[in-house]
Amino acid sequence: MDKVRYVDYVNGQDVEVFTDGYAHDEYNTIYLLSVCGQDSAVKAITSALVSFKSVEIIAHDDEVNVDTGYNNKYKILTTKLECGQLHQILLSETFFNNESGEKLIYVEEGTDIIKAVYNQINETYPVPLISEWSQWLYQRIKEAGAITELKGNIKILKLNVTEKGLDELISDGIKSGEISFC
């Protein structure tokens, strides 16, 4: 497992916990962090992040400082494990928010990425879609730069589309004959 460390020299804090999963963007804004350890250490890590402080993820030979950014909101899911350790998952509300054009898609290992993106769009947006378009739709969204893969040890895709943009994309595909309802 990788480690997460928070150091506050002014207040004399230096805590370290384990992480089994994390994802961040190219600006080192964290979108998902799963941590486990002693109660006070785990809470110190997640509290630091939601207080706009940075923590260090130490993964094998790689180290990265991540933070939450000022525009993001987060949920923290907490459970006490049978071994007495505390487990918390810090999740960006972008996973749950259906109001903005930006969506986060968690892709489990072995999952078809094209199908995962199609399912997310089909479940989230009221646009006419059929499954036969999934490959074409994924390719067009990727070409438009509207989908990126976050960094980290968990596969998270950031999808940045709007209903209007999808409508235009599908309309153009039908007009050009690239896709059809038949």
Protein backbone atom coordinates (compact mmCIF):
# COMPACT_ATOMS: atom_id res chain seq x y z
CA MET A 1 0.00 0.00 0.00
CA ASP A 2 1.01 3.57 -0.60
CA LYS A 3 1.26 6.19 2.13
CA VAL A 4 -0.21 9.64 2.66
CA ARG A 5 1.58 12.13 4.89
CA TYR A 6 0.58 15.48 6.33
CA VAL A 7 3.13 17.72 8.01
CA ASP A 8 2.34 21.00 9.77
CA TYR A 9 5.60 22.30 11.21
CA VAL A 10 3.95 25.29 12.89
CA ASN A 11 1.61 23.11 14.96
CA GLY A 12 4.00 20.18 15.33
CA GLN A 13 1.86 17.70 13.37
CA ASP A 14 3.38 14.87 11.36
CA VAL A 15 0.97 12.05 10.54
CA GLU A 16 1.05 9.20 8.08
CA VAL A 17 -1.64 6.77 6.95
CA PHE A 18 -2.01 4.13 4.26
CA THR A 19 -3.92 4.58 1.01
CA ASP A 20 -5.29 1.89 -1.23
CA GLY A 21 -6.63 4.31 -3.81
CA TYR A 22 -6.33 7.87 -5.05
CA ALA A 23 -6.91 9.94 -8.18
CA HIS A 24 -5.85 13.49 -9.00
CA ASP A 25 -5.68 15.71 -12.05
CA GLU A 26 -2.70 17.29 -13.79
CA TYR A 27 -2.87 20.23 -11.36
CA ASN A 28 -2.62 17.81 -8.39
CA THR A 29 -6.20 18.45 -7.31
CA ILE A 30 -7.42 15.33 -5.53
CA TYR A 31 -10.77 13.83 -6.56
CA LEU A 32 -10.68 10.57 -4.62
CA LEU A 33 -8.57 9.46 -1.67
CA SER A 34 -9.10 6.30 0.36
CA VAL A 35 -7.10 6.25 3.61
CA CYS A 36 -6.80 3.87 6.56
CA GLY A 37 -4.96 4.08 9.87
CA GLN A 38 -5.29 5.32 13.44
CA ASP A 39 -8.40 7.46 13.98
CA SER A 40 -6.58 10.71 14.71
CA ALA A 41 -4.15 10.33 11.80
CA VAL A 42 -6.87 9.53 9.25
CA LYS A 43 -9.00 12.45 10.44
CA ALA A 44 -5.96 14.76 10.34
CA ILE A 45 -5.32 13.85 6.68
CA THR A 46 -8.91 14.35 5.48
CA SER A 47 -9.37 17.46 7.64
CA ALA A 48 -6.21 18.98 6.21
CA LEU A 49 -7.47 18.39 2.68
CA VAL A 50 -10.92 19.90 3.23
CA SER A 51 -9.18 22.86 4.90
CA PHE A 52 -7.28 23.56 1.65
CA LYS A 53 -3.99 22.19 2.90
CA SER A 54 -1.74 19.92 0.90
CA VAL A 55 -0.79 16.32 1.70
CA GLU A 56 1.91 14.15 0.21
CA ILE A 57 1.17 10.82 -1.45
CA ILE A 58 4.18 8.52 -1.37
CA ALA A 59 3.77 5.76 -3.94
CA HIS A 60 6.71 3.43 -4.58
CA ASP A 61 9.42 5.74 -5.95
CA ASP A 62 7.00 8.58 -6.72
CA GLU A 63 5.84 11.42 -4.46
CA VAL A 64 3.15 13.98 -5.25
CA ASN A 65 1.67 16.82 -3.20
CA VAL A 66 -2.09 17.08 -3.68
CA ASP A 67 -4.77 19.44 -2.42
CA THR A 68 -8.49 19.98 -2.88
CA GLY A 69 -8.57 23.28 -4.74
CA TYR A 70 -10.91 26.08 -3.74
CA ASN A 71 -13.72 25.34 -6.19
CA ASN A 72 -14.34 21.72 -5.20
CA LYS A 73 -16.64 20.33 -2.54
CA TYR A 74 -16.11 16.94 -0.96
CA LYS A 75 -17.90 14.17 0.90
CA ILE A 76 -16.13 12.03 3.47
CA LEU A 77 -17.37 8.47 3.98
CA THR A 78 -16.23 6.88 7.24
CA THR A 79 -16.22 3.37 8.66
CA LYS A 80 -14.51 1.68 11.58
CA LEU A 81 -12.85 -1.57 10.54
CA GLU A 82 -12.96 -4.73 12.66
CA CYS A 83 -9.22 -4.41 13.32
CA GLY A 84 -9.84 -1.06 15.07
CA GLN A 85 -8.49 1.09 12.26
CA LEU A 86 -10.49 3.94 10.73
CA HIS A 87 -11.17 4.00 6.98
CA GLN A 88 -12.25 7.19 5.23
CA ILE A 89 -12.89 7.96 1.59
CA LEU A 90 -12.68 11.59 0.47
CA LEU A 91 -14.76 12.01 -2.71
CA SER A 92 -15.27 15.05 -4.88
CA GLU A 93 -18.96 15.92 -5.17
CA THR A 94 -18.37 15.84 -8.94
CA PHE A 95 -19.03 12.09 -8.63
CA PHE A 96 -22.58 12.88 -7.47
CA ASN A 97 -23.38 16.26 -9.03
CA ASN A 98 -25.53 16.09 -12.15
CA GLU A 99 -25.86 19.86 -12.57
CA SER A 100 -22.50 20.77 -14.15
CA GLY A 101 -21.03 19.54 -17.40
CA GLU A 102 -18.18 17.80 -15.55
CA LYS A 103 -18.68 14.20 -14.41
CA LEU A 104 -16.30 11.71 -12.85
CA ILE A 105 -16.55 8.09 -13.87
CA TYR A 106 -15.01 5.37 -11.71
CA VAL A 107 -13.80 2.56 -13.97
CA GLU A 108 -13.27 -0.76 -12.24
CA GLU A 109 -10.42 -2.93 -13.44
CA GLY A 110 -11.53 -4.99 -16.42
CA THR A 111 -14.42 -2.64 -17.28
CA ASP A 112 -14.88 -1.58 -20.90
CA ILE A 113 -14.11 2.17 -20.89
CA ILE A 114 -16.28 2.87 -23.93
CA LYS A 115 -19.25 1.15 -22.31
CA ALA A 116 -18.66 2.98 -19.00
CA VAL A 117 -18.65 6.37 -20.75
CA TYR A 118 -21.73 5.50 -22.82
CA ASN A 119 -23.61 4.31 -19.71
CA GLN A 120 -22.74 7.50 -17.80
CA ILE A 121 -23.96 9.71 -20.64
CA ASN A 122 -27.08 7.61 -21.19
CA GLU A 123 -27.98 7.71 -17.47
CA THR A 124 -27.17 11.40 -16.96
CA TYR A 125 -28.27 13.29 -20.06
CA PRO A 126 -31.68 13.32 -21.79
CA VAL A 127 -30.22 12.92 -25.28
CA PRO A 128 -31.23 10.27 -27.83
CA LEU A 129 -28.64 7.48 -27.70
CA ILE A 130 -28.46 3.90 -28.83
CA SER A 131 -25.75 1.46 -27.78
CA GLU A 132 -24.52 0.98 -31.37
CA TRP A 133 -23.23 4.57 -31.22
CA SER A 134 -21.03 4.00 -28.17
CA GLN A 135 -17.74 3.57 -30.07
CA TRP A 136 -18.47 6.56 -32.34
CA LEU A 137 -19.58 8.72 -29.39
CA TYR A 138 -16.51 7.87 -27.32
CA GLN A 139 -14.20 8.63 -30.23
CA ARG A 140 -15.84 12.04 -30.90
CA ILE A 141 -15.77 13.02 -27.24
CA LYS A 142 -12.12 11.99 -27.00
CA GLU A 143 -11.24 13.95 -30.17
CA ALA A 144 -12.95 17.01 -28.67
CA GLY A 145 -10.76 16.72 -25.55
CA ALA A 146 -13.86 16.29 -23.39
CA ILE A 147 -12.58 13.19 -21.63
CA THR A 148 -9.36 12.79 -19.68
CA GLU A 149 -7.99 10.13 -17.38
CA LEU A 150 -6.95 11.27 -13.92
CA LYS A 151 -3.60 10.27 -12.45
CA GLY A 152 -3.26 7.90 -9.52
CA ASN A 153 -3.71 4.21 -8.81
CA ILE A 154 -7.46 4.15 -9.47
CA LYS A 155 -8.88 4.68 -12.96
CA ILE A 156 -11.12 7.73 -12.94
CA LEU A 157 -12.26 9.47 -16.11
CA LYS A 158 -13.23 13.13 -16.13
CA LEU A 159 -16.01 13.74 -18.64
CA ASN A 160 -16.70 17.36 -19.50
CA VAL A 161 -19.77 17.60 -21.73
CA THR A 162 -23.07 19.41 -21.68
CA GLU A 163 -26.49 18.37 -22.91
CA LYS A 164 -26.31 21.02 -25.63
CA GLY A 165 -22.87 19.84 -26.73
CA LEU A 166 -24.04 16.23 -26.89
CA ASP A 167 -27.15 17.23 -28.88
CA GLU A 168 -24.98 19.07 -31.39
CA LEU A 169 -22.51 16.19 -31.64
CA ILE A 170 -25.26 13.63 -32.24
CA SER A 171 -27.08 15.89 -34.72
CA ASP A 172 -23.87 16.41 -36.69
CA GLY A 173 -23.24 12.64 -36.70
CA ILE A 174 -26.72 11.93 -38.04
CA LYS A 175 -26.51 14.71 -40.67
CA SER A 176 -23.12 13.47 -41.89
CA GLY A 177 -24.35 9.86 -42.01
CA GLU A 178 -21.74 8.63 -39.52
CA ILE A 179 -24.52 7.32 -37.25
CA SER A 180 -28.17 6.49 -37.85
CA PHE A 181 -31.20 5.13 -36.04
CA CYS A 182 -31.37 2.08 -38.32
